[in-house]
């Protein structure tokens, strides 16, 4: 079944893309959640307007990402956690902790997917964490972990 995507779906497609999907996936997942609609003759005319909407959204996202880079460029995020004598933390610092502290320090709202650090931080010291704010805008933030 051919469908037109009405939302960006990570790893699958973006707004305005026409995709061939199985009937079950379309009828049971995409259509009820209003993530897509059936590609008929009339709805195919909407594809161009959806693609224009996608371009506008990408530009707005890029602009917001560049503003966030300016806010984040000189910020150091500090954590004080219990650690062993060798400097290993008892509880790692995960993406959710980083998102909360970055928002507190700079006011920039992030999603956990934007943080490029896959493993939790488990050692005392200075760490650089990659942030993927948009597909073409990336930055780093310095994280300083101290022992309590």
Protein backbone atom coordinates (compact mmCIF):
# COMPACT_ATOMS: atom_id res chain seq x y z
CA UNK A 1 0.00 0.00 0.00
CA UNK A 2 1.31 3.47 -0.84
CA UNK A 3 1.13 6.12 1.87
CA UNK A 4 2.13 9.77 2.21
CA UNK A 5 3.94 10.55 5.46
CA UNK A 6 2.43 13.37 7.51
CA UNK A 7 5.17 13.32 10.18
CA UNK A 8 8.90 12.70 10.31
CA UNK A 9 9.52 9.11 11.34
CA UNK A 10 13.08 8.45 12.46
CA UNK A 11 14.78 5.85 10.30
CA UNK A 12 11.84 5.63 7.89
CA UNK A 13 11.07 8.90 6.15
CA UNK A 14 10.14 12.56 6.36
CA UNK A 15 7.02 14.63 5.83
CA UNK A 16 5.79 14.41 2.25
CA UNK A 17 7.62 11.19 1.34
CA UNK A 18 5.58 8.61 -0.55
CA UNK A 19 6.39 5.13 0.78
CA UNK A 20 5.35 1.60 -0.06
CA UNK A 21 4.44 -0.20 3.17
CA UNK A 22 2.65 -3.40 4.05
CA UNK A 23 -1.11 -3.16 4.40
CA UNK A 24 -0.98 -4.18 8.07
CA UNK A 25 1.62 -1.56 9.00
CA UNK A 26 -0.40 1.14 7.26
CA UNK A 27 -3.82 0.14 8.62
CA UNK A 28 -2.77 -0.78 12.15
CA UNK A 29 -0.02 1.73 12.89
CA UNK A 30 0.47 4.66 10.51
CA UNK A 31 -3.12 5.56 9.61
CA UNK A 32 -4.70 5.35 13.12
CA UNK A 33 -1.91 7.51 14.58
CA UNK A 34 -2.30 10.09 11.79
CA UNK A 35 1.36 9.62 10.84
CA UNK A 36 0.44 8.94 7.22
CA UNK A 37 -2.48 8.81 4.85
CA UNK A 38 -3.29 6.68 1.84
CA UNK A 39 -1.75 7.88 -1.41
CA UNK A 40 -4.71 8.43 -3.72
CA UNK A 41 -4.92 10.62 -6.81
CA UNK A 42 -6.21 13.62 -4.84
CA UNK A 43 -3.80 13.25 -1.96
CA UNK A 44 -0.80 13.01 -4.30
CA UNK A 45 -1.39 16.69 -5.13
CA UNK A 46 -0.67 17.52 -1.48
CA UNK A 47 2.84 16.05 -1.65
CA UNK A 48 4.40 19.27 -2.92
CA UNK A 49 2.83 21.37 -0.17
CA UNK A 50 3.98 18.84 2.44
CA UNK A 51 7.52 18.99 1.06
CA UNK A 52 7.43 22.80 1.24
CA UNK A 53 6.27 22.50 4.86
CA UNK A 54 9.19 20.13 5.51
CA UNK A 55 11.69 22.66 4.12
CA UNK A 56 10.26 25.41 6.35
CA UNK A 57 10.47 23.11 9.38
CA UNK A 58 14.09 22.20 8.60
CA UNK A 59 15.05 25.88 8.34
CA UNK A 60 13.33 26.71 11.63
CA UNK A 61 15.03 23.74 13.31
CA UNK A 62 18.41 24.83 11.94
CA UNK A 63 17.88 28.41 13.17
CA UNK A 64 16.94 27.16 16.65
CA UNK A 65 19.97 24.85 16.67
CA UNK A 66 22.32 27.72 15.82
CA UNK A 67 20.83 29.80 18.65
CA UNK A 68 21.34 26.86 21.01
CA UNK A 69 24.99 26.58 19.94
CA UNK A 70 25.53 30.20 20.95
CA UNK A 71 23.99 29.56 24.38
CA UNK A 72 26.00 26.36 24.92
CA UNK A 73 29.44 27.37 23.66
CA UNK A 74 30.97 28.49 26.99
CA UNK A 75 28.93 26.40 29.42
CA UNK A 76 30.49 23.82 31.74
CA UNK A 77 28.09 21.33 33.29
CA UNK A 78 29.19 20.20 36.75
CA UNK A 79 28.19 17.07 38.64
CA UNK A 80 29.19 16.00 42.15
CA UNK A 81 28.71 12.27 42.68
CA UNK A 82 29.90 9.60 45.08
CA UNK A 83 32.95 7.80 43.77
CA UNK A 84 35.53 5.22 44.75
CA UNK A 85 39.10 6.14 45.66
CA UNK A 86 40.16 5.28 42.10
CA UNK A 87 37.68 7.79 40.66
CA UNK A 88 34.98 5.45 39.41
CA UNK A 89 31.42 6.64 40.05
CA UNK A 90 28.97 4.42 41.92
CA UNK A 91 26.14 5.60 39.66
CA UNK A 92 26.84 6.71 36.10
CA UNK A 93 25.66 9.99 34.63
CA UNK A 94 23.19 9.16 31.88
CA UNK A 95 21.56 11.09 29.06
CA UNK A 96 18.58 12.07 31.20
CA UNK A 97 20.89 13.66 33.80
CA UNK A 98 22.73 15.56 31.07
CA UNK A 99 19.48 16.84 29.53
CA UNK A 100 18.25 18.14 32.92
CA UNK A 101 21.51 19.88 33.79
CA UNK A 102 21.94 21.44 30.33
CA UNK A 103 18.41 22.84 30.55
CA UNK A 104 19.10 24.20 34.06
CA UNK A 105 22.38 25.81 33.03
CA UNK A 106 21.44 27.24 29.65
CA UNK A 107 17.68 27.02 29.18
CA UNK A 108 18.15 24.92 26.02
CA UNK A 109 15.60 22.12 25.75
CA UNK A 110 17.12 18.91 24.35
CA UNK A 111 15.90 15.41 23.69
CA UNK A 112 17.95 12.44 24.83
CA UNK A 113 18.49 11.38 21.19
CA UNK A 114 20.45 14.59 20.61
CA UNK A 115 23.21 13.51 22.99
CA UNK A 116 25.92 11.60 21.15
CA UNK A 117 27.39 10.00 24.29
CA UNK A 118 26.01 6.43 24.23
CA UNK A 119 27.48 5.08 27.48
CA UNK A 120 26.90 6.75 30.85
CA UNK A 121 29.81 8.76 32.24
CA UNK A 122 31.38 6.61 34.98
CA UNK A 123 34.61 8.39 35.91
CA UNK A 124 35.62 11.58 37.66
CA UNK A 125 37.17 14.22 35.43
CA UNK A 126 36.46 16.38 32.44
CA UNK A 127 34.45 14.93 29.56
CA UNK A 128 33.37 16.37 26.19
CA UNK A 129 29.85 15.37 25.21
CA UNK A 130 28.72 15.67 21.58
CA UNK A 131 25.32 17.23 20.91
CA UNK A 132 23.56 16.69 17.58
CA UNK A 133 21.16 19.63 17.55
CA UNK A 134 20.07 19.10 13.94
CA UNK A 135 21.40 17.03 11.02
CA UNK A 136 23.98 19.68 10.09
CA UNK A 137 24.46 21.49 13.43
CA UNK A 138 26.62 19.79 16.03
CA UNK A 139 28.43 21.07 19.09
CA UNK A 140 30.16 19.87 22.24
CA UNK A 141 29.57 20.66 25.85
CA UNK A 142 32.12 20.25 28.65
CA UNK A 143 31.05 18.08 31.59
CA UNK A 144 33.04 18.23 34.81
CA UNK A 145 32.52 15.37 37.26
CA UNK A 146 33.77 15.76 40.83
CA UNK A 147 33.72 13.43 43.82
CA UNK A 148 31.36 14.28 46.66
